[in-house]
Amino acid sequence: MAIKHVTDQNFTDETSKGLVLADFWAPWCGPCKMIAPVLEEIDGEMEEKVQIVKLDVDENQETAGKFGVMSIPTLLLFKDGEVVDQVIGFQPKEALTDLINKHA
């Protein structure tokens, strides 16, 4: 499964089933660019455990505000529509896979 880009309109639907890692990011954000290839790797290796979605906070401020996102990248881990974990800033691959495995 490829990483899916979501919007304010479909965010709730896309994070309501199973384990979903939501990346709140922006195109101008340096750490967001650094974490993108890490998320691609995780998506390729863990697609049976987790779906990864990306939300551009500049274009989708409603959802970012709803979840109190103040810094990016912010990664929220959803399980069946509920936030079960959160990390802010660049994270190494191992930290993110541990986070996912903790809730899988």
PDB file of N, CA and C in Angstrom:
ATOM      1  N   MET A   1       0.847  -1.183   0.000  1.00  0.00           N
ATOM      2  CA  MET A   1       0.000   0.000   0.000  1.00  0.00           C
ATOM      3  C   MET A   1       0.891   1.245   0.000  1.00  0.00           C
ATOM      4  N   ALA A   2       0.570   2.178  -0.808  1.00  0.00           N
ATOM      5  CA  ALA A   2       1.361   3.400  -0.870  1.00  0.00           C
ATOM      6  C   ALA A   2       0.883   4.394   0.191  1.00  0.00           C
ATOM      7  N   ILE A   3       1.765   5.321   0.523  1.00  0.00           N
ATOM      8  CA  ILE A   3       1.391   6.391   1.446  1.00  0.00           C
ATOM      9  C   ILE A   3       0.329   7.242   0.759  1.00  0.00           C
ATOM     10  N   LYS A   4      -0.726   7.531   1.499  1.00  0.00           N
ATOM     11  CA  LYS A   4      -1.868   8.256   0.945  1.00  0.00           C
ATOM     12  C   LYS A   4      -1.854   9.701   1.451  1.00  0.00           C
ATOM     13  N   HIS A   5      -2.067  10.644   0.541  1.00  0.00           N
ATOM     14  CA  HIS A   5      -2.200  12.047   0.928  1.00  0.00           C
ATOM     15  C   HIS A   5      -3.668  12.304   1.234  1.00  0.00           C
ATOM     16  N   VAL A   6      -3.936  12.846   2.411  1.00  0.00           N
ATOM     17  CA  VAL A   6      -5.310  13.072   2.859  1.00  0.00           C
ATOM     18  C   VAL A   6      -5.568  14.561   3.053  1.00  0.00           C
ATOM     19  N   THR A   7      -6.844  14.900   3.211  1.00  0.00           N
ATOM     20  CA  THR A   7      -7.277  16.289   3.363  1.00  0.00           C
ATOM     21  C   THR A   7      -8.212  16.402   4.571  1.00  0.00           C
ATOM     22  N   ASP A   8      -8.605  17.624   4.863  1.00  0.00           N
ATOM     23  CA  ASP A   8      -9.603  17.838   5.921  1.00  0.00           C
ATOM     24  C   ASP A   8     -10.861  17.017   5.641  1.00  0.00           C
ATOM     25  N   GLN A   9     -11.222  16.889   4.365  1.00  0.00           N
ATOM     26  CA  GLN A   9     -12.462  16.223   3.989  1.00  0.00           C
ATOM     27  C   GLN A   9     -12.442  14.717   4.230  1.00  0.00           C
ATOM     28  N   ASN A  10     -11.297  14.052   4.016  1.00  0.00           N
ATOM     29  CA  ASN A  10     -11.298  12.592   4.140  1.00  0.00           C
ATOM     30  C   ASN A  10     -10.429  12.065   5.292  1.00  0.00           C
ATOM     31  N   PHE A  11      -9.872  12.943   6.110  1.00  0.00           N
ATOM     32  CA  PHE A  11      -8.967  12.524   7.173  1.00  0.00           C
ATOM     33  C   PHE A  11      -9.625  11.526   8.135  1.00  0.00           C
ATOM     34  N   THR A  12     -10.815  11.835   8.606  1.00  0.00           N
ATOM     35  CA  THR A  12     -11.492  10.970   9.571  1.00  0.00           C
ATOM     36  C   THR A  12     -11.761   9.592   8.982  1.00  0.00           C
ATOM     37  N   ASP A  13     -12.226   9.549   7.740  1.00  0.00           N
ATOM     38  CA  ASP A  13     -12.480   8.255   7.091  1.00  0.00           C
ATOM     39  C   ASP A  13     -11.207   7.434   6.965  1.00  0.00           C
ATOM     40  N   GLU A  14     -10.116   8.098   6.608  1.00  0.00           N
ATOM     41  CA  GLU A  14      -8.855   7.390   6.355  1.00  0.00           C
ATOM     42  C   GLU A  14      -8.163   6.918   7.639  1.00  0.00           C
ATOM     43  N   THR A  15      -8.521   7.486   8.785  1.00  0.00           N
ATOM     44  CA  THR A  15      -7.868   7.105  10.050  1.00  0.00           C
ATOM     45  C   THR A  15      -8.799   6.328  10.975  1.00  0.00           C
ATOM     46  N   SER A  16      -9.955   5.907  10.461  1.00  0.00           N
ATOM     47  CA  SER A  16     -10.963   5.301  11.339  1.00  0.00           C
ATOM     48  C   SER A  16     -10.846   3.786  11.494  1.00  0.00           C
ATOM     49  N   LYS A  17     -10.092   3.114  10.615  1.00  0.00           N
ATOM     50  CA  LYS A  17     -10.028   1.643  10.667  1.00  0.00           C
ATOM     51  C   LYS A  17      -8.588   1.167  10.775  1.00  0.00           C
ATOM     52  N   GLY A  18      -8.350   0.306  11.749  1.00  0.00           N
ATOM     53  CA  GLY A  18      -7.021  -0.281  11.897  1.00  0.00           C
ATOM     54  C   GLY A  18      -6.013   0.696  12.451  1.00  0.00           C
ATOM     55  N   LEU A  19      -4.737   0.378  12.209  1.00  0.00           N
ATOM     56  CA  LEU A  19      -3.632   1.198  12.704  1.00  0.00           C
ATOM     57  C   LEU A  19      -3.184   2.133  11.585  1.00  0.00           C
ATOM     58  N   VAL A  20      -3.198   3.438  11.865  1.00  0.00           N
ATOM     59  CA  VAL A  20      -2.849   4.441  10.859  1.00  0.00           C
ATOM     60  C   VAL A  20      -1.882   5.448  11.472  1.00  0.00           C
ATOM     61  N   LEU A  21      -0.759   5.660  10.793  1.00  0.00           N
ATOM     62  CA  LEU A  21       0.207   6.673  11.201  1.00  0.00           C
ATOM     63  C   LEU A  21      -0.008   7.896  10.331  1.00  0.00           C
ATOM     64  N   ALA A  22      -0.399   9.006  10.947  1.00  0.00           N
ATOM     65  CA  ALA A  22      -0.678  10.242  10.213  1.00  0.00           C
ATOM     66  C   ALA A  22       0.487  11.209  10.387  1.00  0.00           C
ATOM     67  N   ASP A  23       1.059  11.617   9.270  1.00  0.00           N
ATOM     68  CA  ASP A  23       2.179  12.553   9.238  1.00  0.00           C
ATOM     69  C   ASP A  23       1.646  13.943   8.909  1.00  0.00           C
ATOM     70  N   PHE A  24       1.705  14.842   9.885  1.00  0.00           N
ATOM     71  CA  PHE A  24       1.324  16.238   9.675  1.00  0.00           C
ATOM     72  C   PHE A  24       2.594  16.964   9.240  1.00  0.00           C
ATOM     73  N   TRP A  25       2.598  17.509   8.013  1.00  0.00           N
ATOM     74  CA  TRP A  25       3.817  18.042   7.427  1.00  0.00           C
ATOM     75  C   TRP A  25       3.504  19.273   6.575  1.00  0.00           C
ATOM     76  N   ALA A  26       4.562  19.890   6.024  1.00  0.00           N
ATOM     77  CA  ALA A  26       4.429  20.976   5.053  1.00  0.00           C
ATOM     78  C   ALA A  26       5.614  20.894   4.092  1.00  0.00           C
ATOM     79  N   PRO A  27       5.434  21.324   2.846  1.00  0.00           N
ATOM     80  CA  PRO A  27       6.492  21.211   1.840  1.00  0.00           C
ATOM     81  C   PRO A  27       7.764  22.003   2.181  1.00  0.00           C
ATOM     82  N   TRP A  28       7.649  23.071   2.955  1.00  0.00           N
ATOM     83  CA  TRP A  28       8.793  23.926   3.275  1.00  0.00           C
ATOM     84  C   TRP A  28       9.562  23.454   4.518  1.00  0.00           C
ATOM     85  N   CYS A  29       9.103  22.407   5.163  1.00  0.00           N
ATOM     86  CA  CYS A  29       9.647  21.953   6.443  1.00  0.00           C
ATOM     87  C   CYS A  29      10.829  20.995   6.232  1.00  0.00           C
ATOM     88  N   GLY A  30      12.024  21.402   6.676  1.00  0.00           N
ATOM     89  CA  GLY A  30      13.219  20.580   6.536  1.00  0.00           C
ATOM     90  C   GLY A  30      13.114  19.209   7.191  1.00  0.00           C
ATOM     91  N   PRO A  31      12.769  19.145   8.494  1.00  0.00           N
ATOM     92  CA  PRO A  31      12.641  17.836   9.141  1.00  0.00           C
ATOM     93  C   PRO A  31      11.565  16.960   8.494  1.00  0.00           C
ATOM     94  N   CYS A  32      10.530  17.581   7.907  1.00  0.00           N
ATOM     95  CA  CYS A  32       9.491  16.812   7.201  1.00  0.00           C
ATOM     96  C   CYS A  32      10.096  16.124   5.981  1.00  0.00           C
ATOM     97  N   LYS A  33      10.981  16.829   5.289  1.00  0.00           N
ATOM     98  CA  LYS A  33      11.652  16.244   4.123  1.00  0.00           C
ATOM     99  C   LYS A  33      12.581  15.116   4.556  1.00  0.00           C
ATOM    100  N   MET A  34      13.196  15.251   5.723  1.00  0.00           N
ATOM    101  CA  MET A  34      14.097  14.218   6.228  1.00  0.00           C
ATOM    102  C   MET A  34      13.344  12.946   6.611  1.00  0.00           C
ATOM    103  N   ILE A  35      12.142  13.098   7.160  1.00  0.00           N
ATOM    104  CA  ILE A  35      11.408  11.924   7.643  1.00  0.00           C
ATOM    105  C   ILE A  35      10.659  11.214   6.507  1.00  0.00           C
ATOM    106  N   ALA A  36      10.422  11.892   5.395  1.00  0.00           N
ATOM    107  CA  ALA A  36       9.652  11.303   4.294  1.00  0.00           C
ATOM    108  C   ALA A  36      10.239   9.974   3.796  1.00  0.00           C
ATOM    109  N   PRO A  37      11.558   9.871   3.528  1.00  0.00           N
ATOM    110  CA  PRO A  37      12.079   8.574   3.068  1.00  0.00           C
ATOM    111  C   PRO A  37      12.007   7.489   4.142  1.00  0.00           C
ATOM    112  N   VAL A  38      12.078   7.884   5.410  1.00  0.00           N
ATOM    113  CA  VAL A  38      11.934   6.927   6.513  1.00  0.00           C
ATOM    114  C   VAL A  38      10.520   6.345   6.488  1.00  0.00           C
ATOM    115  N   LEU A  39       9.525   7.196   6.289  1.00  0.00           N
ATOM    116  CA  LEU A  39       8.138   6.735   6.230  1.00  0.00           C
ATOM    117  C   LEU A  39       7.913   5.843   5.009  1.00  0.00           C
ATOM    118  N   GLU A  40       8.564   6.166   3.888  1.00  0.00           N
ATOM    119  CA  GLU A  40       8.462   5.322   2.682  1.00  0.00           C
ATOM    120  C   GLU A  40       8.996   3.920   2.976  1.00  0.00           C
ATOM    121  N   GLU A  41      10.139   3.841   3.664  1.00  0.00           N
ATOM    122  CA  GLU A  41      10.717   2.541   4.014  1.00  0.00           C
ATOM    123  C   GLU A  41       9.773   1.754   4.919  1.00  0.00           C
ATOM    124  N   ILE A  42       9.258   2.416   5.932  1.00  0.00           N
ATOM    125  CA  ILE A  42       8.346   1.755   6.873  1.00  0.00           C
ATOM    126  C   ILE A  42       7.102   1.277   6.127  1.00  0.00           C
ATOM    127  N   ASP A  43       6.592   2.105   5.230  1.00  0.00           N
ATOM    128  CA  ASP A  43       5.408   1.717   4.468  1.00  0.00           C
ATOM    129  C   ASP A  43       5.680   0.442   3.673  1.00  0.00           C
ATOM    130  N   GLY A  44       6.846   0.346   3.073  1.00  0.00           N
ATOM    131  CA  GLY A  44       7.192  -0.831   2.296  1.00  0.00           C
ATOM    132  C   GLY A  44       7.368  -2.079   3.143  1.00  0.00           C
ATOM    133  N   GLU A  45       7.864  -1.908   4.356  1.00  0.00           N
ATOM    134  CA  GLU A  45       8.173  -3.054   5.213  1.00  0.00           C
ATOM    135  C   GLU A  45       7.024  -3.462   6.141  1.00  0.00           C
ATOM    136  N   MET A  46       6.147  -2.516   6.475  1.00  0.00           N
ATOM    137  CA  MET A  46       5.119  -2.785   7.488  1.00  0.00           C
ATOM    138  C   MET A  46       3.702  -2.561   6.981  1.00  0.00           C
ATOM    139  N   GLU A  47       3.510  -2.645   5.671  1.00  0.00           N
ATOM    140  CA  GLU A  47       2.195  -2.314   5.115  1.00  0.00           C
ATOM    141  C   GLU A  47       1.078  -3.208   5.627  1.00  0.00           C
ATOM    142  N   GLU A  48       1.404  -4.414   6.080  1.00  0.00           N
ATOM    143  CA  GLU A  48       0.362  -5.298   6.617  1.00  0.00           C
ATOM    144  C   GLU A  48      -0.047  -4.891   8.035  1.00  0.00           C
ATOM    145  N   LYS A  49       0.785  -4.089   8.709  1.00  0.00           N
ATOM    146  CA  LYS A  49       0.485  -3.671  10.078  1.00  0.00           C
ATOM    147  C   LYS A  49      -0.117  -2.280  10.163  1.00  0.00           C
ATOM    148  N   VAL A  50       0.342  -1.373   9.279  1.00  0.00           N
ATOM    149  CA  VAL A  50      -0.015   0.039   9.434  1.00  0.00           C
ATOM    150  C   VAL A  50      -0.200   0.706   8.071  1.00  0.00           C
ATOM    151  N   GLN A  51      -1.162   1.615   8.002  1.00  0.00           N
ATOM    152  CA  GLN A  51      -1.347   2.484   6.834  1.00  0.00           C
ATOM    153  C   GLN A  51      -0.743   3.835   7.200  1.00  0.00           C
ATOM    154  N   ILE A  52      -0.004   4.437   6.283  1.00  0.00           N
ATOM    155  CA  ILE A  52       0.578   5.757   6.534  1.00  0.00           C
ATOM    156  C   ILE A  52      -0.141   6.774   5.657  1.00  0.00           C
ATOM    157  N   VAL A  53      -0.552   7.878   6.285  1.00  0.00           N
ATOM    158  CA  VAL A  53      -1.181   8.976   5.551  1.00  0.00           C
ATOM    159  C   VAL A  53      -0.428  10.265   5.857  1.00  0.00           C
ATOM    160  N   LYS A  54      -0.456  11.197   4.906  1.00  0.00           N
ATOM    161  CA  LYS A  54       0.204  12.490   5.070  1.00  0.00           C
ATOM    162  C   LYS A  54      -0.833  13.597   4.920  1.00  0.00           C
ATOM    163  N   LEU A  55      -0.762  14.579   5.802  1.00  0.00           N
ATOM    164  CA  LEU A  55      -1.672  15.726   5.752  1.00  0.00           C
ATOM    165  C   LEU A  55      -0.842  17.005   5.703  1.00  0.00           C
ATOM    166  N   ASP A  56      -0.964  17.758   4.609  1.00  0.00           N
ATOM    167  CA  ASP A  56      -0.279  19.041   4.457  1.00  0.00           C
ATOM    168  C   ASP A  56      -0.994  20.064   5.352  1.00  0.00           C
ATOM    169  N   VAL A  57      -0.298  20.538   6.391  1.00  0.00           N
ATOM    170  CA  VAL A  57      -0.951  21.420   7.368  1.00  0.00           C
ATOM    171  C   VAL A  57      -1.267  22.803   6.792  1.00  0.00           C
ATOM    172  N   ASP A  58      -0.530  23.232   5.772  1.00  0.00           N
ATOM    173  CA  ASP A  58      -0.825  24.528   5.155  1.00  0.00           C
ATOM    174  C   ASP A  58      -2.160  24.498   4.420  1.00  0.00           C
ATOM    175  N   GLU A  59      -2.463  23.374   3.799  1.00  0.00           N
ATOM    176  CA  GLU A  59      -3.690  23.255   3.011  1.00  0.00           C
ATOM    177  C   GLU A  59      -4.861  22.692   3.815  1.00  0.00           C
ATOM    178  N   ASN A  60      -4.585  22.153   5.000  1.00  0.00           N
ATOM    179  CA  ASN A  60      -5.623  21.478   5.793  1.00  0.00           C
ATOM    180  C   ASN A  60      -5.527  21.895   7.260  1.00  0.00           C
ATOM    181  N   GLN A  61      -5.729  23.175   7.486  1.00  0.00           N
ATOM    182  CA  GLN A  61      -5.544  23.735   8.825  1.00  0.00           C
ATOM    183  C   GLN A  61      -6.612  23.287   9.821  1.00  0.00           C
ATOM    184  N   GLU A  62      -7.776  22.944   9.335  1.00  0.00           N
ATOM    185  CA  GLU A  62      -8.861  22.519  10.222  1.00  0.00           C
ATOM    186  C   GLU A  62      -8.476  21.258  11.003  1.00  0.00           C
ATOM    187  N   THR A  63      -7.980  20.255  10.299  1.00  0.00           N
ATOM    188  CA  THR A  63      -7.604  18.999  10.951  1.00  0.00           C
ATOM    189  C   THR A  63      -6.395  19.198  11.848  1.00  0.00           C
ATOM    190  N   ALA A  64      -5.407  19.944  11.386  1.00  0.00           N
ATOM    191  CA  ALA A  64      -4.229  20.220  12.203  1.00  0.00           C
ATOM    192  C   ALA A  64      -4.636  20.913  13.499  1.00  0.00           C
ATOM    193  N   GLY A  65      -5.551  21.872  13.418  1.00  0.00           N
ATOM    194  CA  GLY A  65      -6.036  22.574  14.600  1.00  0.00           C
ATOM    195  C   GLY A  65      -6.811  21.666  15.534  1.00  0.00           C
ATOM    196  N   LYS A  66      -7.612  20.791  14.967  1.00  0.00           N
ATOM    197  CA  LYS A  66      -8.422  19.859  15.763  1.00  0.00           C
ATOM    198  C   LYS A  66      -7.547  18.996  16.665  1.00  0.00           C
ATOM    199  N   PHE A  67      -6.370  18.610  16.153  1.00  0.00           N
ATOM    200  CA  PHE A  67      -5.477  17.747  16.927  1.00  0.00           C
ATOM    201  C   PHE A  67      -4.367  18.521  17.629  1.00  0.00           C
ATOM    202  N   GLY A  68      -4.452  19.855  17.617  1.00  0.00           N
ATOM    203  CA  GLY A  68      -3.504  20.684  18.354  1.00  0.00           C
ATOM    204  C   GLY A  68      -2.084  20.617  17.827  1.00  0.00           C
ATOM    205  N   VAL A  69      -1.931  20.421  16.525  1.00  0.00           N
ATOM    206  CA  VAL A  69      -0.592  20.335  15.937  1.00  0.00           C
ATOM    207  C   VAL A  69       0.020  21.733  15.896  1.00  0.00           C
ATOM    208  N   MET A  70       1.107  21.913  16.652  1.00  0.00           N
ATOM    209  CA  MET A  70       1.788  23.208  16.728  1.00  0.00           C
ATOM    210  C   MET A  70       3.154  23.174  16.051  1.00  0.00           C
ATOM    211  N   SER A  71       3.777  22.004  16.011  1.00  0.00           N
ATOM    212  CA  SER A  71       5.097  21.823  15.399  1.00  0.00           C
ATOM    213  C   SER A  71       5.002  20.700  14.380  1.00  0.00           C
ATOM    214  N   ILE A  72       5.827  20.816  13.336  1.00  0.00           N
ATOM    215  CA  ILE A  72       5.838  19.741  12.345  1.00  0.00           C
ATOM    216  C   ILE A  72       7.273  19.300  12.106  1.00  0.00           C
ATOM    217  N   PRO A  73       7.481  18.047  11.753  1.00  0.00           N
ATOM    218  CA  PRO A  73       6.450  17.042  11.606  1.00  0.00           C
ATOM    219  C   PRO A  73       5.903  16.570  12.947  1.00  0.00           C
ATOM    220  N   THR A  74       4.604  16.360  12.987  1.00  0.00           N
ATOM    221  CA  THR A  74       3.942  15.677  14.096  1.00  0.00           C
ATOM    222  C   THR A  74       3.366  14.392  13.535  1.00  0.00           C
ATOM    223  N   LEU A  75       3.638  13.300  14.210  1.00  0.00           N
ATOM    224  CA  LEU A  75       3.112  12.002  13.792  1.00  0.00           C
ATOM    225  C   LEU A  75       2.136  11.524  14.853  1.00  0.00           C
ATOM    226  N   LEU A  76       0.893  11.298  14.444  1.00  0.00           N
ATOM    227  CA  LEU A  76      -0.126  10.762  15.345  1.00  0.00           C
ATOM    228  C   LEU A  76      -0.425   9.336  14.916  1.00  0.00           C
ATOM    229  N   LEU A  77      -0.448   8.434  15.887  1.00  0.00           N
ATOM    230  CA  LEU A  77      -0.790   7.046  15.596  1.00  0.00           C
ATOM    231  C   LEU A  77      -2.223   6.802  16.038  1.00  0.00           C
ATOM    232  N   PHE A  78      -3.055   6.399  15.079  1.00  0.00           N
ATOM    233  CA  PHE A  78      -4.468   6.131  15.333  1.00  0.00           C
ATOM    234  C   PHE A  78      -4.708   4.631  15.344  1.00  0.00           C
ATOM    235  N   LYS A  79      -5.564   4.196  16.246  1.00  0.00           N
ATOM    236  CA  LYS A  79      -6.031   2.812  16.233  1.00  0.00           C
ATOM    237  C   LYS A  79      -7.547   2.870  16.245  1.00  0.00           C
ATOM    238  N   ASP A  80      -8.152   2.421  15.155  1.00  0.00           N
ATOM    239  CA  ASP A  80      -9.601   2.455  14.986  1.00  0.00           C
ATOM    240  C   ASP A  80     -10.189   3.836  15.283  1.00  0.00           C
ATOM    241  N   GLY A  81      -9.508   4.868  14.779  1.00  0.00           N
ATOM    242  CA  GLY A  81     -10.022   6.231  14.872  1.00  0.00           C
ATOM    243  C   GLY A  81      -9.622   7.012  16.108  1.00  0.00           C
ATOM    244  N   GLU A  82      -8.963   6.366  17.073  1.00  0.00           N
ATOM    245  CA  GLU A  82      -8.551   7.049  18.304  1.00  0.00           C
ATOM    246  C   GLU A  82      -7.034   7.241  18.307  1.00  0.00           C
ATOM    247  N   VAL A  83      -6.573   8.415  18.745  1.00  0.00           N
ATOM    248  CA  VAL A  83      -5.133   8.655  18.861  1.00  0.00           C
ATOM    249  C   VAL A  83      -4.599   7.829  20.030  1.00  0.00           C
ATOM    250  N   VAL A  84      -3.613   6.972  19.741  1.00  0.00           N
ATOM    251  CA  VAL A  84      -3.028   6.134  20.789  1.00  0.00           C
ATOM    252  C   VAL A  84      -1.588   6.530  21.103  1.00  0.00           C
ATOM    253  N   ASP A  85      -0.958   7.321  20.220  1.00  0.00           N
ATOM    254  CA  ASP A  85       0.412   7.763  20.481  1.00  0.00           C
ATOM    255  C   ASP A  85       0.736   8.950  19.597  1.00  0.00           C
ATOM    256  N   GLN A  86       1.832   9.655  19.948  1.00  0.00           N
ATOM    257  CA  GLN A  86       2.217  10.855  19.210  1.00  0.00           C
ATOM    258  C   GLN A  86       3.706  11.083  19.366  1.00  0.00           C
ATOM    259  N   VAL A  87       4.348  11.518  18.288  1.00  0.00           N
ATOM    260  CA  VAL A  87       5.742  11.962  18.350  1.00  0.00           C
ATOM    261  C   VAL A  87       5.857  13.242  17.546  1.00  0.00           C
ATOM    262  N   ILE A  88       6.761  14.116  17.982  1.00  0.00           N
ATOM    263  CA  ILE A  88       6.959  15.402  17.311  1.00  0.00           C
ATOM    264  C   ILE A  88       8.419  15.501  16.893  1.00  0.00           C
ATOM    265  N   GLY A  89       8.631  15.950  15.662  1.00  0.00           N
ATOM    266  CA  GLY A  89       9.988  16.118  15.155  1.00  0.00           C
ATOM    267  C   GLY A  89      10.488  14.865  14.464  1.00  0.00           C
ATOM    268  N   PHE A  90      11.667  15.002  13.859  1.00  0.00           N
ATOM    269  CA  PHE A  90      12.264  13.877  13.153  1.00  0.00           C
ATOM    270  C   PHE A  90      12.521  12.725  14.113  1.00  0.00           C
ATOM    271  N   GLN A  91      12.209  11.522  13.659  1.00  0.00           N
ATOM    272  CA  GLN A  91      12.451  10.314  14.448  1.00  0.00           C
ATOM    273  C   GLN A  91      13.188   9.308  13.572  1.00  0.00           C
ATOM    274  N   PRO A  92      14.152   8.580  14.131  1.00  0.00           N
ATOM    275  CA  PRO A  92      14.789   7.529  13.334  1.00  0.00           C
ATOM    276  C   PRO A  92      13.818   6.383  13.080  1.00  0.00           C
ATOM    277  N   LYS A  93      14.110   5.609  12.065  1.00  0.00           N
ATOM    278  CA  LYS A  93      13.248   4.504  11.654  1.00  0.00           C
ATOM    279  C   LYS A  93      12.947   3.560  12.814  1.00  0.00           C
ATOM    280  N   GLU A  94      13.970   3.214  13.597  1.00  0.00           N
ATOM    281  CA  GLU A  94      13.789   2.261  14.699  1.00  0.00           C
ATOM    282  C   GLU A  94      12.759   2.765  15.709  1.00  0.00           C
ATOM    283  N   ALA A  95      12.805   4.054  16.019  1.00  0.00           N
ATOM    284  CA  ALA A  95      11.852   4.624  16.979  1.00  0.00           C
ATOM    285  C   ALA A  95      10.427   4.520  16.450  1.00  0.00           C
ATOM    286  N   LEU A  96      10.253   4.750  15.154  1.00  0.00           N
ATOM    287  CA  LEU A  96       8.911   4.696  14.571  1.00  0.00           C
ATOM    288  C   LEU A  96       8.403   3.265  14.462  1.00  0.00           C
ATOM    289  N   THR A  97       9.282   2.319  14.105  1.00  0.00           N
ATOM    290  CA  THR A  97       8.845   0.930  14.022  1.00  0.00           C
ATOM    291  C   THR A  97       8.511   0.403  15.419  1.00  0.00           C
ATOM    292  N   ASP A  98       9.284   0.815  16.425  1.00  0.00           N
ATOM    293  CA  ASP A  98       8.956   0.426  17.807  1.00  0.00           C
ATOM    294  C   ASP A  98       7.590   0.966  18.220  1.00  0.00           C
ATOM    295  N   LEU A  99       7.331   2.221  17.863  1.00  0.00           N
ATOM    296  CA  LEU A  99       6.046   2.858  18.176  1.00  0.00           C
ATOM    297  C   LEU A  99       4.888   2.077  17.545  1.00  0.00           C
ATOM    298  N   ILE A 100       5.047   1.728  16.280  1.00  0.00           N
ATOM    299  CA  ILE A 100       4.002   0.980  15.572  1.00  0.00           C
ATOM    300  C   ILE A 100       3.814  -0.400  16.185  1.00  0.00           C
ATOM    301  N   ASN A 101       4.915  -1.105  16.411  1.00  0.00           N
ATOM    302  CA  ASN A 101       4.839  -2.465  16.974  1.00  0.00           C
ATOM    303  C   ASN A 101       4.213  -2.481  18.360  1.00  0.00           C
ATOM    304  N   LYS A 102       4.404  -1.404  19.119  1.00  0.00           N
ATOM    305  CA  LYS A 102       3.822  -1.311  20.460  1.00  0.00           C
ATOM    306  C   LYS A 102       2.292  -1.363  20.417  1.00  0.00           C
ATOM    307  N   HIS A 103       1.713  -0.896  19.311  1.00  0.00           N
ATOM    308  CA  HIS A 103       0.247  -0.815  19.211  1.00  0.00           C
ATOM    309  C   HIS A 103      -0.347  -1.782  18.196  1.00  0.00           C
ATOM    310  N   ALA A 104       0.499  -2.531  17.493  1.00  0.00           N
ATOM    311  CA  ALA A 104       0.010  -3.437  16.438  1.00  0.00           C
ATOM    312  C   ALA A 104      -0.641  -4.674  17.037  1.00  0.00           C
TER     313      ALA A 104
END
